[in-house]
Amino acid sequence: MNLTLRERHNEDLPVLWHWMHAQPDPEWKRWDAPYFHSAAAPKSTSLEAFTEQAQAALPTAHQRIIALDGQCIGQATR
C-alpha cells in the first residue's frame, strides 16, 4: 500500500463531499477544534453545489488529499 499527500483532483470531490456534507452530524466533527463549533452549523450542501464551488476555487498549498494507492480517502489542511 502507498499512502501519499497530493493535490486535489476533480474525481476526489464526491469523496470529500461525502465526508463533509452527507451526514448532518458526523462523528469526526466531535473531535474537531472547539473554535469551529462556535459558529452556526452550515446548511447542507448538495454534491452539485459543492463540486461547482470547489472547481471554481484556486488551488492552495494548505489543502492536500490523503490518497491510499492513488484513491482519495480524506483531506488534510494546514
PDB file of N, CA and C in Angstrom:
ATOM      1  N   MET A   1       0.836  -1.180   0.000  1.00  0.00           N
ATOM      2  CA  MET A   1       0.000   0.000   0.000  1.00  0.00           C
ATOM      3  C   MET A   1       0.884   1.248   0.000  1.00  0.00           C
ATOM      4  N   ASN A   2       0.393   2.281  -0.685  1.00  0.00           N
ATOM      5  CA  ASN A   2       1.134   3.524  -0.819  1.00  0.00           C
ATOM      6  C   ASN A   2       0.257   4.688  -0.354  1.00  0.00           C
ATOM      7  N   LEU A   3       0.632   5.326   0.759  1.00  0.00           N
ATOM      8  CA  LEU A   3      -0.112   6.456   1.308  1.00  0.00           C
ATOM      9  C   LEU A   3       0.636   7.735   0.951  1.00  0.00           C
ATOM     10  N   THR A   4      -0.068   8.676   0.303  1.00  0.00           N
ATOM     11  CA  THR A   4       0.561   9.926  -0.119  1.00  0.00           C
ATOM     12  C   THR A   4      -0.339  11.115   0.172  1.00  0.00           C
ATOM     13  N   LEU A   5       0.271  12.301   0.149  1.00  0.00           N
ATOM     14  CA  LEU A   5      -0.452  13.564   0.153  1.00  0.00           C
ATOM     15  C   LEU A   5      -0.256  14.165  -1.225  1.00  0.00           C
ATOM     16  N   ARG A   6      -1.327  14.627  -1.837  1.00  0.00           N
ATOM     17  CA  ARG A   6      -1.239  15.168  -3.195  1.00  0.00           C
ATOM     18  C   ARG A   6      -2.255  16.272  -3.388  1.00  0.00           C
ATOM     19  N   GLU A   7      -2.175  16.942  -4.525  1.00  0.00           N
ATOM     20  CA  GLU A   7      -3.163  17.954  -4.884  1.00  0.00           C
ATOM     21  C   GLU A   7      -4.510  17.284  -5.156  1.00  0.00           C
ATOM     22  N   ARG A   8      -5.563  18.069  -5.036  1.00  0.00           N
ATOM     23  CA  ARG A   8      -6.912  17.568  -5.280  1.00  0.00           C
ATOM     24  C   ARG A   8      -7.184  17.427  -6.772  1.00  0.00           C
ATOM     25  N   HIS A   9      -7.884  16.366  -7.131  1.00  0.00           N
ATOM     26  CA  HIS A   9      -8.359  16.149  -8.494  1.00  0.00           C
ATOM     27  C   HIS A   9      -9.881  16.217  -8.479  1.00  0.00           C
ATOM     28  N   ASN A  10     -10.476  16.532  -9.616  1.00  0.00           N
ATOM     29  CA  ASN A  10     -11.939  16.620  -9.686  1.00  0.00           C
ATOM     30  C   ASN A  10     -12.626  15.320  -9.277  1.00  0.00           C
ATOM     31  N   GLU A  11     -12.008  14.183  -9.560  1.00  0.00           N
ATOM     32  CA  GLU A  11     -12.628  12.909  -9.207  1.00  0.00           C
ATOM     33  C   GLU A  11     -12.617  12.655  -7.693  1.00  0.00           C
ATOM     34  N   ASP A  12     -11.900  13.476  -6.922  1.00  0.00           N
ATOM     35  CA  ASP A  12     -11.891  13.369  -5.458  1.00  0.00           C
ATOM     36  C   ASP A  12     -13.107  14.036  -4.820  1.00  0.00           C
ATOM     37  N   LEU A  13     -13.767  14.907  -5.537  1.00  0.00           N
ATOM     38  CA  LEU A  13     -14.822  15.735  -4.953  1.00  0.00           C
ATOM     39  C   LEU A  13     -15.992  14.946  -4.364  1.00  0.00           C
ATOM     40  N   PRO A  14     -16.482  13.879  -4.991  1.00  0.00           N
ATOM     41  CA  PRO A  14     -17.571  13.123  -4.344  1.00  0.00           C
ATOM     42  C   PRO A  14     -17.165  12.524  -2.996  1.00  0.00           C
ATOM     43  N   VAL A  15     -15.928  12.086  -2.864  1.00  0.00           N
ATOM     44  CA  VAL A  15     -15.450  11.526  -1.592  1.00  0.00           C
ATOM     45  C   VAL A  15     -15.401  12.633  -0.541  1.00  0.00           C
ATOM     46  N   LEU A  16     -14.859  13.788  -0.907  1.00  0.00           N
ATOM     47  CA  LEU A  16     -14.774  14.906   0.035  1.00  0.00           C
ATOM     48  C   LEU A  16     -16.169  15.384   0.444  1.00  0.00           C
ATOM     49  N   TRP A  17     -17.069  15.481  -0.512  1.00  0.00           N
ATOM     50  CA  TRP A  17     -18.445  15.881  -0.207  1.00  0.00           C
ATOM     51  C   TRP A  17     -19.075  14.912   0.800  1.00  0.00           C
ATOM     52  N   HIS A  18     -18.869  13.625   0.560  1.00  0.00           N
ATOM     53  CA  HIS A  18     -19.433  12.617   1.453  1.00  0.00           C
ATOM     54  C   HIS A  18     -18.975  12.852   2.887  1.00  0.00           C
ATOM     55  N   TRP A  19     -17.677  13.064   3.092  1.00  0.00           N
ATOM     56  CA  TRP A  19     -17.143  13.243   4.441  1.00  0.00           C
ATOM     57  C   TRP A  19     -17.590  14.565   5.070  1.00  0.00           C
ATOM     58  N   MET A  20     -17.768  15.599   4.263  1.00  0.00           N
ATOM     59  CA  MET A  20     -18.057  16.924   4.815  1.00  0.00           C
ATOM     60  C   MET A  20     -19.547  17.273   4.872  1.00  0.00           C
ATOM     61  N   HIS A  21     -20.375  16.681   3.996  1.00  0.00           N
ATOM     62  CA  HIS A  21     -21.757  17.146   3.901  1.00  0.00           C
ATOM     63  C   HIS A  21     -22.830  16.064   3.871  1.00  0.00           C
ATOM     64  N   ALA A  22     -22.495  14.815   3.666  1.00  0.00           N
ATOM     65  CA  ALA A  22     -23.529  13.781   3.506  1.00  0.00           C
ATOM     66  C   ALA A  22     -24.262  13.466   4.808  1.00  0.00           C
ATOM     67  N   GLN A  23     -23.583  13.609   5.940  1.00  0.00           N
ATOM     68  CA  GLN A  23     -24.202  13.322   7.230  1.00  0.00           C
ATOM     69  C   GLN A  23     -24.411  14.622   7.999  1.00  0.00           C
ATOM     70  N   PRO A  24     -25.559  14.784   8.641  1.00  0.00           N
ATOM     71  CA  PRO A  24     -25.819  16.037   9.356  1.00  0.00           C
ATOM     72  C   PRO A  24     -24.940  16.221  10.599  1.00  0.00           C
ATOM     73  N   ASP A  25     -24.548  15.147  11.281  1.00  0.00           N
ATOM     74  CA  ASP A  25     -23.743  15.250  12.500  1.00  0.00           C
ATOM     75  C   ASP A  25     -22.699  14.129  12.519  1.00  0.00           C
ATOM     76  N   PRO A  26     -21.668  14.229  11.662  1.00  0.00           N
ATOM     77  CA  PRO A  26     -20.692  13.143  11.583  1.00  0.00           C
ATOM     78  C   PRO A  26     -19.818  13.052  12.847  1.00  0.00           C
ATOM     79  N   GLU A  27     -19.349  11.872  13.141  1.00  0.00           N
ATOM     80  CA  GLU A  27     -18.501  11.619  14.313  1.00  0.00           C
ATOM     81  C   GLU A  27     -17.247  12.487  14.309  1.00  0.00           C
ATOM     82  N   TRP A  28     -16.628  12.700  13.142  1.00  0.00           N
ATOM     83  CA  TRP A  28     -15.362  13.435  13.108  1.00  0.00           C
ATOM     84  C   TRP A  28     -15.504  14.865  13.622  1.00  0.00           C
ATOM     85  N   LYS A  29     -16.698  15.457  13.481  1.00  0.00           N
ATOM     86  CA  LYS A  29     -16.878  16.832  13.950  1.00  0.00           C
ATOM     87  C   LYS A  29     -16.823  16.928  15.480  1.00  0.00           C
ATOM     88  N   ARG A  30     -17.076  15.834  16.146  1.00  0.00           N
ATOM     89  CA  ARG A  30     -16.983  15.825  17.613  1.00  0.00           C
ATOM     90  C   ARG A  30     -15.534  15.940  18.081  1.00  0.00           C
ATOM     91  N   TRP A  31     -14.599  15.640  17.192  1.00  0.00           N
ATOM     92  CA  TRP A  31     -13.173  15.691  17.513  1.00  0.00           C
ATOM     93  C   TRP A  31     -12.502  16.905  16.892  1.00  0.00           C
ATOM     94  N   ASP A  32     -13.260  17.742  16.217  1.00  0.00           N
ATOM     95  CA  ASP A  32     -12.730  18.929  15.557  1.00  0.00           C
ATOM     96  C   ASP A  32     -12.386  19.993  16.605  1.00  0.00           C
ATOM     97  N   ALA A  33     -11.606  20.983  16.201  1.00  0.00           N
ATOM     98  CA  ALA A  33     -11.209  22.065  17.106  1.00  0.00           C
ATOM     99  C   ALA A  33     -12.446  22.771  17.668  1.00  0.00           C
ATOM    100  N   PRO A  34     -12.437  23.122  18.953  1.00  0.00           N
ATOM    101  CA  PRO A  34     -13.640  23.707  19.560  1.00  0.00           C
ATOM    102  C   PRO A  34     -14.060  25.041  18.952  1.00  0.00           C
ATOM    103  N   TYR A  35     -13.116  25.820  18.417  1.00  0.00           N
ATOM    104  CA  TYR A  35     -13.491  27.117  17.856  1.00  0.00           C
ATOM    105  C   TYR A  35     -14.299  26.980  16.570  1.00  0.00           C
ATOM    106  N   PHE A  36     -14.291  25.818  15.932  1.00  0.00           N
ATOM    107  CA  PHE A  36     -15.135  25.613  14.755  1.00  0.00           C
ATOM    108  C   PHE A  36     -16.600  25.460  15.145  1.00  0.00           C
ATOM    109  N   HIS A  37     -16.869  25.109  16.383  1.00  0.00           N
ATOM    110  CA  HIS A  37     -18.238  24.859  16.826  1.00  0.00           C
ATOM    111  C   HIS A  37     -18.956  26.124  17.291  1.00  0.00           C
ATOM    112  N   SER A  38     -18.230  27.222  17.417  1.00  0.00           N
ATOM    113  CA  SER A  38     -18.860  28.444  17.900  1.00  0.00           C
ATOM    114  C   SER A  38     -19.765  29.082  16.850  1.00  0.00           C
ATOM    115  N   ALA A  39     -19.480  28.866  15.597  1.00  0.00           N
ATOM    116  CA  ALA A  39     -20.311  29.414  14.521  1.00  0.00           C
ATOM    117  C   ALA A  39     -21.520  28.507  14.300  1.00  0.00           C
ATOM    118  N   ALA A  40     -22.554  29.078  13.739  1.00  0.00           N
ATOM    119  CA  ALA A  40     -23.736  28.278  13.415  1.00  0.00           C
ATOM    120  C   ALA A  40     -23.364  27.207  12.392  1.00  0.00           C
ATOM    121  N   ALA A  41     -23.985  26.061  12.515  1.00  0.00           N
ATOM    122  CA  ALA A  41     -23.702  24.962  11.591  1.00  0.00           C
ATOM    123  C   ALA A  41     -24.131  25.347  10.182  1.00  0.00           C
ATOM    124  N   PRO A  42     -23.262  25.094   9.193  1.00  0.00           N
ATOM    125  CA  PRO A  42     -23.646  25.429   7.817  1.00  0.00           C
ATOM    126  C   PRO A  42     -24.763  24.528   7.316  1.00  0.00           C
ATOM    127  N   LYS A  43     -25.550  25.054   6.404  1.00  0.00           N
ATOM    128  CA  LYS A  43     -26.614  24.262   5.810  1.00  0.00           C
ATOM    129  C   LYS A  43     -26.000  23.164   4.951  1.00  0.00           C
ATOM    130  N   SER A  44     -26.754  22.114   4.775  1.00  0.00           N
ATOM    131  CA  SER A  44     -26.307  21.011   3.940  1.00  0.00           C
ATOM    132  C   SER A  44     -26.070  21.505   2.517  1.00  0.00           C
ATOM    133  N   THR A  45     -25.032  21.026   1.916  1.00  0.00           N
ATOM    134  CA  THR A  45     -24.659  21.415   0.563  1.00  0.00           C
ATOM    135  C   THR A  45     -24.819  20.215  -0.356  1.00  0.00           C
ATOM    136  N   SER A  46     -25.450  20.411  -1.500  1.00  0.00           N
ATOM    137  CA  SER A  46     -25.604  19.319  -2.459  1.00  0.00           C
ATOM    138  C   SER A  46     -24.257  19.001  -3.101  1.00  0.00           C
ATOM    139  N   LEU A  47     -24.142  17.803  -3.620  1.00  0.00           N
ATOM    140  CA  LEU A  47     -22.913  17.416  -4.314  1.00  0.00           C
ATOM    141  C   LEU A  47     -22.650  18.352  -5.483  1.00  0.00           C
ATOM    142  N   GLU A  48     -23.703  18.729  -6.205  1.00  0.00           N
ATOM    143  CA  GLU A  48     -23.535  19.604  -7.365  1.00  0.00           C
ATOM    144  C   GLU A  48     -23.015  20.976  -6.949  1.00  0.00           C
ATOM    145  N   ALA A  49     -23.583  21.553  -5.894  1.00  0.00           N
ATOM    146  CA  ALA A  49     -23.135  22.864  -5.420  1.00  0.00           C
ATOM    147  C   ALA A  49     -21.708  22.790  -4.890  1.00  0.00           C
ATOM    148  N   PHE A  50     -21.395  21.738  -4.141  1.00  0.00           N
ATOM    149  CA  PHE A  50     -20.051  21.551  -3.604  1.00  0.00           C
ATOM    150  C   PHE A  50     -19.033  21.436  -4.732  1.00  0.00           C
ATOM    151  N   THR A  51     -19.356  20.630  -5.747  1.00  0.00           N
ATOM    152  CA  THR A  51     -18.451  20.429  -6.886  1.00  0.00           C
ATOM    153  C   THR A  51     -18.220  21.737  -7.626  1.00  0.00           C
ATOM    154  N   GLU A  52     -19.283  22.480  -7.876  1.00  0.00           N
ATOM    155  CA  GLU A  52     -19.160  23.756  -8.589  1.00  0.00           C
ATOM    156  C   GLU A  52     -18.264  24.730  -7.816  1.00  0.00           C
ATOM    157  N   GLN A  53     -18.486  24.837  -6.527  1.00  0.00           N
ATOM    158  CA  GLN A  53     -17.700  25.751  -5.702  1.00  0.00           C
ATOM    159  C   GLN A  53     -16.231  25.307  -5.633  1.00  0.00           C
ATOM    160  N   ALA A  54     -15.992  24.018  -5.468  1.00  0.00           N
ATOM    161  CA  ALA A  54     -14.626  23.510  -5.363  1.00  0.00           C
ATOM    162  C   ALA A  54     -13.861  23.695  -6.671  1.00  0.00           C
ATOM    163  N   GLN A  55     -14.513  23.469  -7.792  1.00  0.00           N
ATOM    164  CA  GLN A  55     -13.848  23.617  -9.080  1.00  0.00           C
ATOM    165  C   GLN A  55     -13.531  25.079  -9.381  1.00  0.00           C
ATOM    166  N   ALA A  56     -14.307  25.997  -8.828  1.00  0.00           N
ATOM    167  CA  ALA A  56     -14.077  27.422  -9.055  1.00  0.00           C
ATOM    168  C   ALA A  56     -12.966  27.979  -8.164  1.00  0.00           C
ATOM    169  N   ALA A  57     -12.669  27.286  -7.071  1.00  0.00           N
ATOM    170  CA  ALA A  57     -11.657  27.770  -6.123  1.00  0.00           C
ATOM    171  C   ALA A  57     -10.253  27.517  -6.660  1.00  0.00           C
ATOM    172  N   LEU A  58      -9.366  28.446  -6.375  1.00  0.00           N
ATOM    173  CA  LEU A  58      -7.968  28.282  -6.764  1.00  0.00           C
ATOM    174  C   LEU A  58      -7.303  27.237  -5.881  1.00  0.00           C
ATOM    175  N   PRO A  59      -6.346  26.473  -6.431  1.00  0.00           N
ATOM    176  CA  PRO A  59      -5.610  25.501  -5.605  1.00  0.00           C
ATOM    177  C   PRO A  59      -4.856  26.214  -4.493  1.00  0.00           C
ATOM    178  N   THR A  60      -4.698  25.537  -3.375  1.00  0.00           N
ATOM    179  CA  THR A  60      -3.970  26.105  -2.250  1.00  0.00           C
ATOM    180  C   THR A  60      -2.990  25.078  -1.685  1.00  0.00           C
ATOM    181  N   ALA A  61      -1.867  25.561  -1.227  1.00  0.00           N
ATOM    182  CA  ALA A  61      -0.860  24.679  -0.625  1.00  0.00           C
ATOM    183  C   ALA A  61      -1.291  24.211   0.762  1.00  0.00           C
ATOM    184  N   HIS A  62      -2.375  24.775   1.304  1.00  0.00           N
ATOM    185  CA  HIS A  62      -2.827  24.439   2.645  1.00  0.00           C
ATOM    186  C   HIS A  62      -3.813  23.276   2.679  1.00  0.00           C
ATOM    187  N   GLN A  63      -4.133  22.706   1.528  1.00  0.00           N
ATOM    188  CA  GLN A  63      -5.035  21.554   1.473  1.00  0.00           C
ATOM    189  C   GLN A  63      -4.391  20.474   0.621  1.00  0.00           C
ATOM    190  N   ARG A  64      -4.362  19.260   1.153  1.00  0.00           N
ATOM    191  CA  ARG A  64      -3.833  18.131   0.422  1.00  0.00           C
ATOM    192  C   ARG A  64      -4.774  16.943   0.581  1.00  0.00           C
ATOM    193  N   ILE A  65      -4.868  16.171  -0.466  1.00  0.00           N
ATOM    194  CA  ILE A  65      -5.660  14.945  -0.444  1.00  0.00           C
ATOM    195  C   ILE A  65      -4.808  13.840   0.168  1.00  0.00           C
ATOM    196  N   ILE A  66      -5.422  13.078   1.049  1.00  0.00           N
ATOM    197  CA  ILE A  66      -4.785  11.874   1.574  1.00  0.00           C
ATOM    198  C   ILE A  66      -5.210  10.756   0.627  1.00  0.00           C
ATOM    199  N   ALA A  67      -4.242  10.167  -0.052  1.00  0.00           N
ATOM    200  CA  ALA A  67      -4.548   9.146  -1.062  1.00  0.00           C
ATOM    201  C   ALA A  67      -3.895   7.821  -0.672  1.00  0.00           C
ATOM    202  N   LEU A  68      -4.662   6.766  -0.731  1.00  0.00           N
ATOM    203  CA  LEU A  68      -4.174   5.418  -0.495  1.00  0.00           C
ATOM    204  C   LEU A  68      -4.205   4.692  -1.827  1.00  0.00           C
ATOM    205  N   ASP A  69      -3.025   4.341  -2.302  1.00  0.00           N
ATOM    206  CA  ASP A  69      -2.889   3.727  -3.631  1.00  0.00           C
ATOM    207  C   ASP A  69      -3.577   4.571  -4.703  1.00  0.00           C
ATOM    208  N   GLY A  70      -3.430   5.892  -4.569  1.00  0.00           N
ATOM    209  CA  GLY A  70      -3.963   6.826  -5.559  1.00  0.00           C
ATOM    210  C   GLY A  70      -5.406   7.236  -5.345  1.00  0.00           C
ATOM    211  N   GLN A  71      -6.139   6.545  -4.473  1.00  0.00           N
ATOM    212  CA  GLN A  71      -7.550   6.833  -4.240  1.00  0.00           C
ATOM    213  C   GLN A  71      -7.709   7.776  -3.052  1.00  0.00           C
ATOM    214  N   CYS A  72      -8.533   8.794  -3.213  1.00  0.00           N
ATOM    215  CA  CYS A  72      -8.819   9.750  -2.152  1.00  0.00           C
ATOM    216  C   CYS A  72      -9.521   9.055  -0.988  1.00  0.00           C
ATOM    217  N   ILE A  73      -8.947   9.221   0.219  1.00  0.00           N
ATOM    218  CA  ILE A  73      -9.597   8.691   1.418  1.00  0.00           C
ATOM    219  C   ILE A  73      -9.845   9.791   2.445  1.00  0.00           C
ATOM    220  N   GLY A  74      -9.424  11.025   2.115  1.00  0.00           N
ATOM    221  CA  GLY A  74      -9.640  12.130   3.025  1.00  0.00           C
ATOM    222  C   GLY A  74      -8.839  13.354   2.598  1.00  0.00           C
ATOM    223  N   GLN A  75      -8.814  14.334   3.482  1.00  0.00           N
ATOM    224  CA  GLN A  75      -8.128  15.591   3.188  1.00  0.00           C
ATOM    225  C   GLN A  75      -7.425  16.097   4.452  1.00  0.00           C
ATOM    226  N   ALA A  76      -6.256  16.650   4.285  1.00  0.00           N
ATOM    227  CA  ALA A  76      -5.532  17.297   5.380  1.00  0.00           C
ATOM    228  C   ALA A  76      -5.422  18.770   5.052  1.00  0.00           C
ATOM    229  N   THR A  77      -5.618  19.614   6.063  1.00  0.00           N
ATOM    230  CA  THR A  77      -5.483  21.052   5.892  1.00  0.00           C
ATOM    231  C   THR A  77      -4.514  21.593   6.927  1.00  0.00           C
ATOM    232  N   ARG A  78      -3.686  22.526   6.464  1.00  0.00           N
ATOM    233  CA  ARG A  78      -2.677  23.170   7.309  1.00  0.00           C
ATOM    234  C   ARG A  78      -2.059  22.226   8.278  1.00  0.00           C
TER     235      ARG A  78
END
